[in-house]
């Protein structure tokens, strides 16, 4: 059994797949997008965790035995997050890839990382 989790723009999706690559079960939890200003597109990063817990709880309720047999987990998502390592907390809302502000912010983040 294998578990796939996708943190997308509109939802978190999880799927259980057996060794023959057949879908055994799936769950989806919606995510909200905030647009506080023109050209901005963000999400509350804590909502990803809450939604992920929700889809895993759903799979545990409906297919607990299969979930307990998971041998591997695949993760997908497009995440840009400012995280304070010492404080173990997220510093701001997640900027989504379709946000105009991402074009301006990403180059400065990449420059500071080198």
N, C-alpha and C. Protein backbone atom coordinates (compact mmCIF):
# COMPACT_ATOMS: atom_id res chain seq x y z
N UNK A 1 0.85 -1.17 0.00
CA UNK A 1 0.00 0.00 0.00
C UNK A 1 0.90 1.24 0.00
N UNK A 2 0.49 2.26 -0.75
CA UNK A 2 1.25 3.50 -0.85
C UNK A 2 0.29 4.67 -0.66
N UNK A 3 0.81 5.76 -0.09
CA UNK A 3 0.02 6.95 0.19
C UNK A 3 0.59 8.12 -0.59
N UNK A 4 -0.26 8.80 -1.33
CA UNK A 4 0.13 10.03 -2.02
C UNK A 4 -0.61 11.20 -1.41
N UNK A 5 0.11 12.29 -1.15
CA UNK A 5 -0.50 13.50 -0.60
C UNK A 5 -0.10 14.68 -1.48
N UNK A 6 -1.09 15.43 -1.92
CA UNK A 6 -0.86 16.62 -2.75
C UNK A 6 -1.43 17.83 -2.05
N UNK A 7 -0.57 18.79 -1.73
CA UNK A 7 -1.01 20.06 -1.17
C UNK A 7 -1.14 21.01 -2.35
N UNK A 8 -2.37 21.19 -2.81
CA UNK A 8 -2.61 22.03 -3.98
C UNK A 8 -3.11 23.41 -3.60
N UNK A 9 -3.46 24.18 -4.58
CA UNK A 9 -3.96 25.54 -4.34
C UNK A 9 -5.37 25.51 -3.77
N UNK A 10 -6.20 24.61 -4.26
CA UNK A 10 -7.60 24.62 -3.85
C UNK A 10 -7.94 23.54 -2.82
N UNK A 11 -7.04 22.54 -2.65
CA UNK A 11 -7.34 21.46 -1.71
C UNK A 11 -6.09 20.63 -1.41
N UNK A 12 -6.21 19.85 -0.33
CA UNK A 12 -5.23 18.80 -0.05
C UNK A 12 -5.91 17.49 -0.42
N UNK A 13 -5.20 16.69 -1.20
CA UNK A 13 -5.74 15.41 -1.64
C UNK A 13 -4.82 14.29 -1.16
N UNK A 14 -5.42 13.18 -0.75
CA UNK A 14 -4.64 12.00 -0.37
C UNK A 14 -5.26 10.80 -1.07
N UNK A 15 -4.39 9.89 -1.49
CA UNK A 15 -4.85 8.69 -2.19
C UNK A 15 -4.06 7.49 -1.68
N UNK A 16 -4.76 6.40 -1.45
CA UNK A 16 -4.14 5.11 -1.13
C UNK A 16 -4.12 4.28 -2.39
N UNK A 17 -2.95 3.72 -2.72
CA UNK A 17 -2.78 2.92 -3.93
C UNK A 17 -2.17 1.59 -3.53
N UNK A 18 -2.70 0.51 -4.10
CA UNK A 18 -2.16 -0.82 -3.77
C UNK A 18 -0.96 -1.14 -4.67
N UNK A 19 -0.39 -2.31 -4.47
CA UNK A 19 0.81 -2.73 -5.19
C UNK A 19 0.58 -2.86 -6.69
N UNK A 20 -0.67 -3.00 -7.10
CA UNK A 20 -1.01 -3.09 -8.53
C UNK A 20 -1.36 -1.72 -9.11
N UNK A 21 -1.10 -0.67 -8.34
CA UNK A 21 -1.36 0.72 -8.73
C UNK A 21 -2.84 1.02 -8.91
N UNK A 22 -3.68 0.28 -8.19
CA UNK A 22 -5.11 0.57 -8.17
C UNK A 22 -5.42 1.49 -7.02
N UNK A 23 -6.29 2.45 -7.27
CA UNK A 23 -6.71 3.37 -6.21
C UNK A 23 -7.65 2.62 -5.27
N UNK A 24 -7.28 2.59 -4.00
CA UNK A 24 -8.07 1.92 -2.98
C UNK A 24 -9.03 2.91 -2.33
N UNK A 25 -8.55 4.12 -2.07
CA UNK A 25 -9.38 5.15 -1.43
C UNK A 25 -8.75 6.51 -1.65
N UNK A 26 -9.56 7.55 -1.54
CA UNK A 26 -9.04 8.91 -1.63
C UNK A 26 -9.89 9.83 -0.76
N UNK A 27 -9.28 10.92 -0.35
CA UNK A 27 -9.95 11.95 0.45
C UNK A 27 -9.47 13.31 -0.03
N UNK A 28 -10.33 14.31 0.09
CA UNK A 28 -10.01 15.68 -0.29
C UNK A 28 -10.52 16.63 0.78
N UNK A 29 -9.71 17.64 1.10
CA UNK A 29 -10.13 18.70 2.03
C UNK A 29 -9.86 20.05 1.35
N UNK A 30 -10.86 20.92 1.30
CA UNK A 30 -10.69 22.20 0.60
C UNK A 30 -9.76 23.15 1.35
N UNK A 31 -9.15 24.05 0.59
CA UNK A 31 -8.31 25.12 1.14
C UNK A 31 -8.85 26.46 0.65
N UNK A 32 -8.76 27.47 1.50
CA UNK A 32 -9.18 28.82 1.11
C UNK A 32 -7.98 29.61 0.59
N UNK A 33 -8.23 30.47 -0.38
CA UNK A 33 -7.22 31.37 -0.91
C UNK A 33 -7.61 32.78 -0.50
N UNK A 34 -6.63 33.52 0.01
CA UNK A 34 -6.85 34.91 0.41
C UNK A 34 -6.25 35.84 -0.64
N UNK A 35 -6.97 36.89 -0.96
CA UNK A 35 -6.47 37.89 -1.90
C UNK A 35 -6.60 39.27 -1.24
N UNK A 36 -5.68 39.56 -0.29
CA UNK A 36 -5.80 40.78 0.50
C UNK A 36 -5.59 42.07 -0.29
N UNK A 37 -4.88 42.00 -1.42
CA UNK A 37 -4.64 43.17 -2.27
C UNK A 37 -4.65 42.73 -3.73
N UNK A 38 -4.80 43.66 -4.60
CA UNK A 38 -4.75 43.38 -6.03
C UNK A 38 -3.42 42.71 -6.38
N UNK A 39 -3.48 41.58 -7.08
CA UNK A 39 -2.28 40.87 -7.49
C UNK A 39 -1.72 39.92 -6.44
N UNK A 40 -2.28 39.92 -5.24
CA UNK A 40 -1.80 39.04 -4.18
C UNK A 40 -2.65 37.77 -4.16
N UNK A 41 -2.02 36.67 -3.81
CA UNK A 41 -2.71 35.40 -3.67
C UNK A 41 -1.96 34.59 -2.62
N UNK A 42 -2.60 34.31 -1.49
CA UNK A 42 -1.93 33.68 -0.35
C UNK A 42 -2.83 32.63 0.29
N UNK A 43 -2.19 31.81 1.13
CA UNK A 43 -2.93 30.87 1.96
C UNK A 43 -2.31 30.87 3.35
N UNK A 44 -3.14 30.59 4.35
CA UNK A 44 -2.66 30.40 5.70
C UNK A 44 -1.97 29.04 5.73
N UNK A 45 -0.67 29.03 6.00
CA UNK A 45 0.08 27.79 5.94
C UNK A 45 -0.40 26.76 6.97
N UNK A 46 -0.94 27.21 8.09
CA UNK A 46 -1.47 26.26 9.07
C UNK A 46 -2.65 25.46 8.51
N UNK A 47 -3.34 26.03 7.53
CA UNK A 47 -4.48 25.31 6.95
C UNK A 47 -4.04 24.07 6.19
N UNK A 48 -2.80 24.05 5.67
CA UNK A 48 -2.32 22.85 4.98
C UNK A 48 -2.25 21.69 5.96
N UNK A 49 -1.72 21.97 7.15
CA UNK A 49 -1.57 20.91 8.15
C UNK A 49 -2.94 20.40 8.59
N UNK A 50 -3.85 21.35 8.86
CA UNK A 50 -5.19 20.98 9.29
C UNK A 50 -5.89 20.14 8.22
N UNK A 51 -5.77 20.56 6.97
CA UNK A 51 -6.39 19.81 5.87
C UNK A 51 -5.74 18.44 5.70
N UNK A 52 -4.43 18.36 5.86
CA UNK A 52 -3.73 17.08 5.74
C UNK A 52 -4.18 16.14 6.85
N UNK A 53 -4.29 16.66 8.06
CA UNK A 53 -4.81 15.84 9.16
C UNK A 53 -6.22 15.34 8.83
N UNK A 54 -7.02 16.21 8.24
CA UNK A 54 -8.40 15.83 7.89
C UNK A 54 -8.46 14.70 6.88
N UNK A 55 -7.63 14.77 5.83
CA UNK A 55 -7.69 13.71 4.82
C UNK A 55 -7.13 12.39 5.37
N UNK A 56 -6.10 12.48 6.21
CA UNK A 56 -5.56 11.26 6.81
C UNK A 56 -6.53 10.65 7.81
N UNK A 57 -7.21 11.50 8.59
CA UNK A 57 -8.24 10.99 9.51
C UNK A 57 -9.36 10.30 8.74
N UNK A 58 -9.75 10.90 7.60
CA UNK A 58 -10.79 10.29 6.77
C UNK A 58 -10.38 8.93 6.24
N UNK A 59 -9.13 8.82 5.78
CA UNK A 59 -8.64 7.52 5.30
C UNK A 59 -8.55 6.52 6.44
N UNK A 60 -8.16 6.98 7.62
CA UNK A 60 -8.07 6.07 8.77
C UNK A 60 -9.45 5.54 9.15
N UNK A 61 -10.47 6.39 9.05
CA UNK A 61 -11.84 5.94 9.38
C UNK A 61 -12.36 4.95 8.34
N UNK A 62 -12.13 5.26 7.08
CA UNK A 62 -12.73 4.43 6.03
C UNK A 62 -11.87 3.23 5.62
N UNK A 63 -10.55 3.35 5.76
CA UNK A 63 -9.64 2.30 5.30
C UNK A 63 -8.45 2.16 6.24
N UNK A 64 -8.74 2.05 7.53
CA UNK A 64 -7.70 2.01 8.55
C UNK A 64 -6.67 0.91 8.35
N UNK A 65 -7.14 -0.28 7.98
CA UNK A 65 -6.23 -1.41 7.78
C UNK A 65 -5.27 -1.13 6.62
N UNK A 66 -5.80 -0.58 5.54
CA UNK A 66 -4.96 -0.26 4.38
C UNK A 66 -3.98 0.85 4.71
N UNK A 67 -4.42 1.86 5.44
CA UNK A 67 -3.53 2.96 5.81
C UNK A 67 -2.40 2.45 6.71
N UNK A 68 -2.70 1.52 7.60
CA UNK A 68 -1.69 0.96 8.49
C UNK A 68 -0.65 0.14 7.72
N UNK A 69 -0.98 -0.29 6.51
CA UNK A 69 -0.07 -1.12 5.71
C UNK A 69 0.78 -0.29 4.74
N UNK A 70 0.76 1.04 4.85
CA UNK A 70 1.50 1.90 3.92
C UNK A 70 3.00 1.64 4.04
N UNK A 71 3.63 1.43 2.88
CA UNK A 71 5.07 1.18 2.79
C UNK A 71 5.85 2.41 2.35
N UNK A 72 5.15 3.35 1.72
CA UNK A 72 5.83 4.53 1.21
C UNK A 72 4.86 5.68 1.05
N UNK A 73 5.39 6.90 1.14
CA UNK A 73 4.57 8.11 1.04
C UNK A 73 5.19 9.02 -0.01
N UNK A 74 4.35 9.51 -0.92
CA UNK A 74 4.78 10.50 -1.91
C UNK A 74 4.11 11.83 -1.60
N UNK A 75 4.88 12.91 -1.67
CA UNK A 75 4.36 14.25 -1.39
C UNK A 75 4.51 15.14 -2.61
N UNK A 76 3.52 15.99 -2.83
CA UNK A 76 3.59 16.96 -3.93
C UNK A 76 2.98 18.27 -3.44
N UNK A 77 3.47 19.35 -3.98
CA UNK A 77 2.93 20.66 -3.65
C UNK A 77 3.85 21.74 -4.17
N UNK A 78 3.37 22.94 -4.16
CA UNK A 78 4.17 24.08 -4.59
C UNK A 78 4.17 25.08 -3.43
N UNK A 79 5.21 24.98 -2.61
CA UNK A 79 5.23 25.74 -1.36
C UNK A 79 6.35 26.76 -1.35
N UNK A 80 6.02 27.98 -0.99
CA UNK A 80 7.00 29.03 -0.76
C UNK A 80 6.65 29.62 0.61
N UNK A 81 7.46 29.29 1.61
CA UNK A 81 7.13 29.66 2.98
C UNK A 81 8.35 30.26 3.65
N UNK A 82 8.14 31.33 4.40
CA UNK A 82 9.19 31.88 5.26
C UNK A 82 9.03 31.24 6.64
N UNK A 83 10.04 30.48 7.04
CA UNK A 83 9.96 29.71 8.29
C UNK A 83 11.11 30.11 9.19
N UNK A 84 10.81 30.47 10.44
CA UNK A 84 11.82 30.84 11.43
C UNK A 84 12.27 29.58 12.15
N UNK A 85 13.50 29.12 11.89
CA UNK A 85 13.96 27.85 12.44
C UNK A 85 14.06 27.87 13.96
N UNK A 86 14.58 28.95 14.53
CA UNK A 86 14.75 29.01 15.99
C UNK A 86 13.42 29.00 16.72
N UNK A 87 12.44 29.70 16.16
CA UNK A 87 11.14 29.80 16.81
C UNK A 87 10.19 28.69 16.37
N UNK A 88 10.59 27.91 15.37
CA UNK A 88 9.75 26.84 14.82
C UNK A 88 8.36 27.33 14.45
N UNK A 89 8.31 28.43 13.71
CA UNK A 89 7.01 28.93 13.29
C UNK A 89 7.09 29.56 11.90
N UNK A 90 5.96 29.56 11.24
CA UNK A 90 5.84 30.17 9.92
C UNK A 90 5.68 31.67 10.11
N UNK A 91 6.44 32.46 9.34
CA UNK A 91 6.46 33.91 9.53
C UNK A 91 5.35 34.66 8.79
N UNK A 92 4.86 34.09 7.70
CA UNK A 92 3.83 34.80 6.94
C UNK A 92 2.98 33.79 6.19
N UNK A 93 1.93 34.29 5.62
CA UNK A 93 1.07 33.44 4.80
C UNK A 93 1.86 32.94 3.60
N UNK A 94 1.44 31.81 3.09
CA UNK A 94 2.09 31.23 1.92
C UNK A 94 1.72 32.04 0.69
N UNK A 95 2.73 32.42 -0.07
CA UNK A 95 2.49 33.10 -1.35
C UNK A 95 2.23 32.03 -2.40
N UNK A 96 1.15 32.15 -3.10
CA UNK A 96 0.83 31.19 -4.15
C UNK A 96 1.53 31.57 -5.45
N UNK A 97 1.77 30.58 -6.29
CA UNK A 97 2.53 30.82 -7.52
C UNK A 97 1.84 31.79 -8.46
N UNK A 98 0.53 31.92 -8.37
CA UNK A 98 -0.16 32.84 -9.28
C UNK A 98 -0.16 34.28 -8.77
N UNK A 99 0.45 34.52 -7.61
CA UNK A 99 0.49 35.88 -7.07
C UNK A 99 1.50 36.73 -7.84
N UNK A 100 1.12 37.91 -8.23
CA UNK A 100 2.01 38.84 -8.92
C UNK A 100 3.21 39.16 -8.02
N UNK A 101 2.99 39.22 -6.71
CA UNK A 101 4.06 39.56 -5.77
C UNK A 101 5.17 38.50 -5.77
N UNK A 102 4.86 37.28 -6.14
CA UNK A 102 5.87 36.22 -6.17
C UNK A 102 7.00 36.58 -7.13
N UNK A 103 6.66 37.19 -8.24
CA UNK A 103 7.65 37.58 -9.24
C UNK A 103 8.67 38.54 -8.63
N UNK A 104 8.23 39.40 -7.72
CA UNK A 104 9.11 40.38 -7.10
C UNK A 104 9.89 39.81 -5.92
N UNK A 105 9.31 38.87 -5.19
CA UNK A 105 9.90 38.39 -3.95
C UNK A 105 10.89 37.24 -4.16
N UNK A 106 10.61 36.32 -5.05
CA UNK A 106 11.44 35.12 -5.20
C UNK A 106 12.91 35.46 -5.52
N UNK A 107 13.21 36.37 -6.45
CA UNK A 107 14.62 36.65 -6.72
C UNK A 107 15.39 37.10 -5.49
N UNK A 108 14.78 37.91 -4.62
CA UNK A 108 15.49 38.36 -3.42
C UNK A 108 15.69 37.21 -2.44
N UNK A 109 14.76 36.29 -2.36
CA UNK A 109 14.92 35.12 -1.49
C UNK A 109 16.06 34.25 -2.00
N UNK A 110 16.12 34.05 -3.31
CA UNK A 110 17.19 33.24 -3.90
C UNK A 110 18.56 33.89 -3.72
N UNK A 111 18.64 35.22 -3.85
CA UNK A 111 19.91 35.91 -3.65
C UNK A 111 20.40 35.77 -2.21
N UNK A 112 19.48 35.85 -1.25
CA UNK A 112 19.89 35.76 0.16
C UNK A 112 20.26 34.34 0.56
N UNK A 113 19.84 33.35 -0.21
CA UNK A 113 20.14 31.96 0.11
C UNK A 113 21.52 31.53 -0.35
N UNK A 114 22.15 32.34 -1.20
CA UNK A 114 23.48 31.97 -1.72
C UNK A 114 24.59 32.72 -1.03
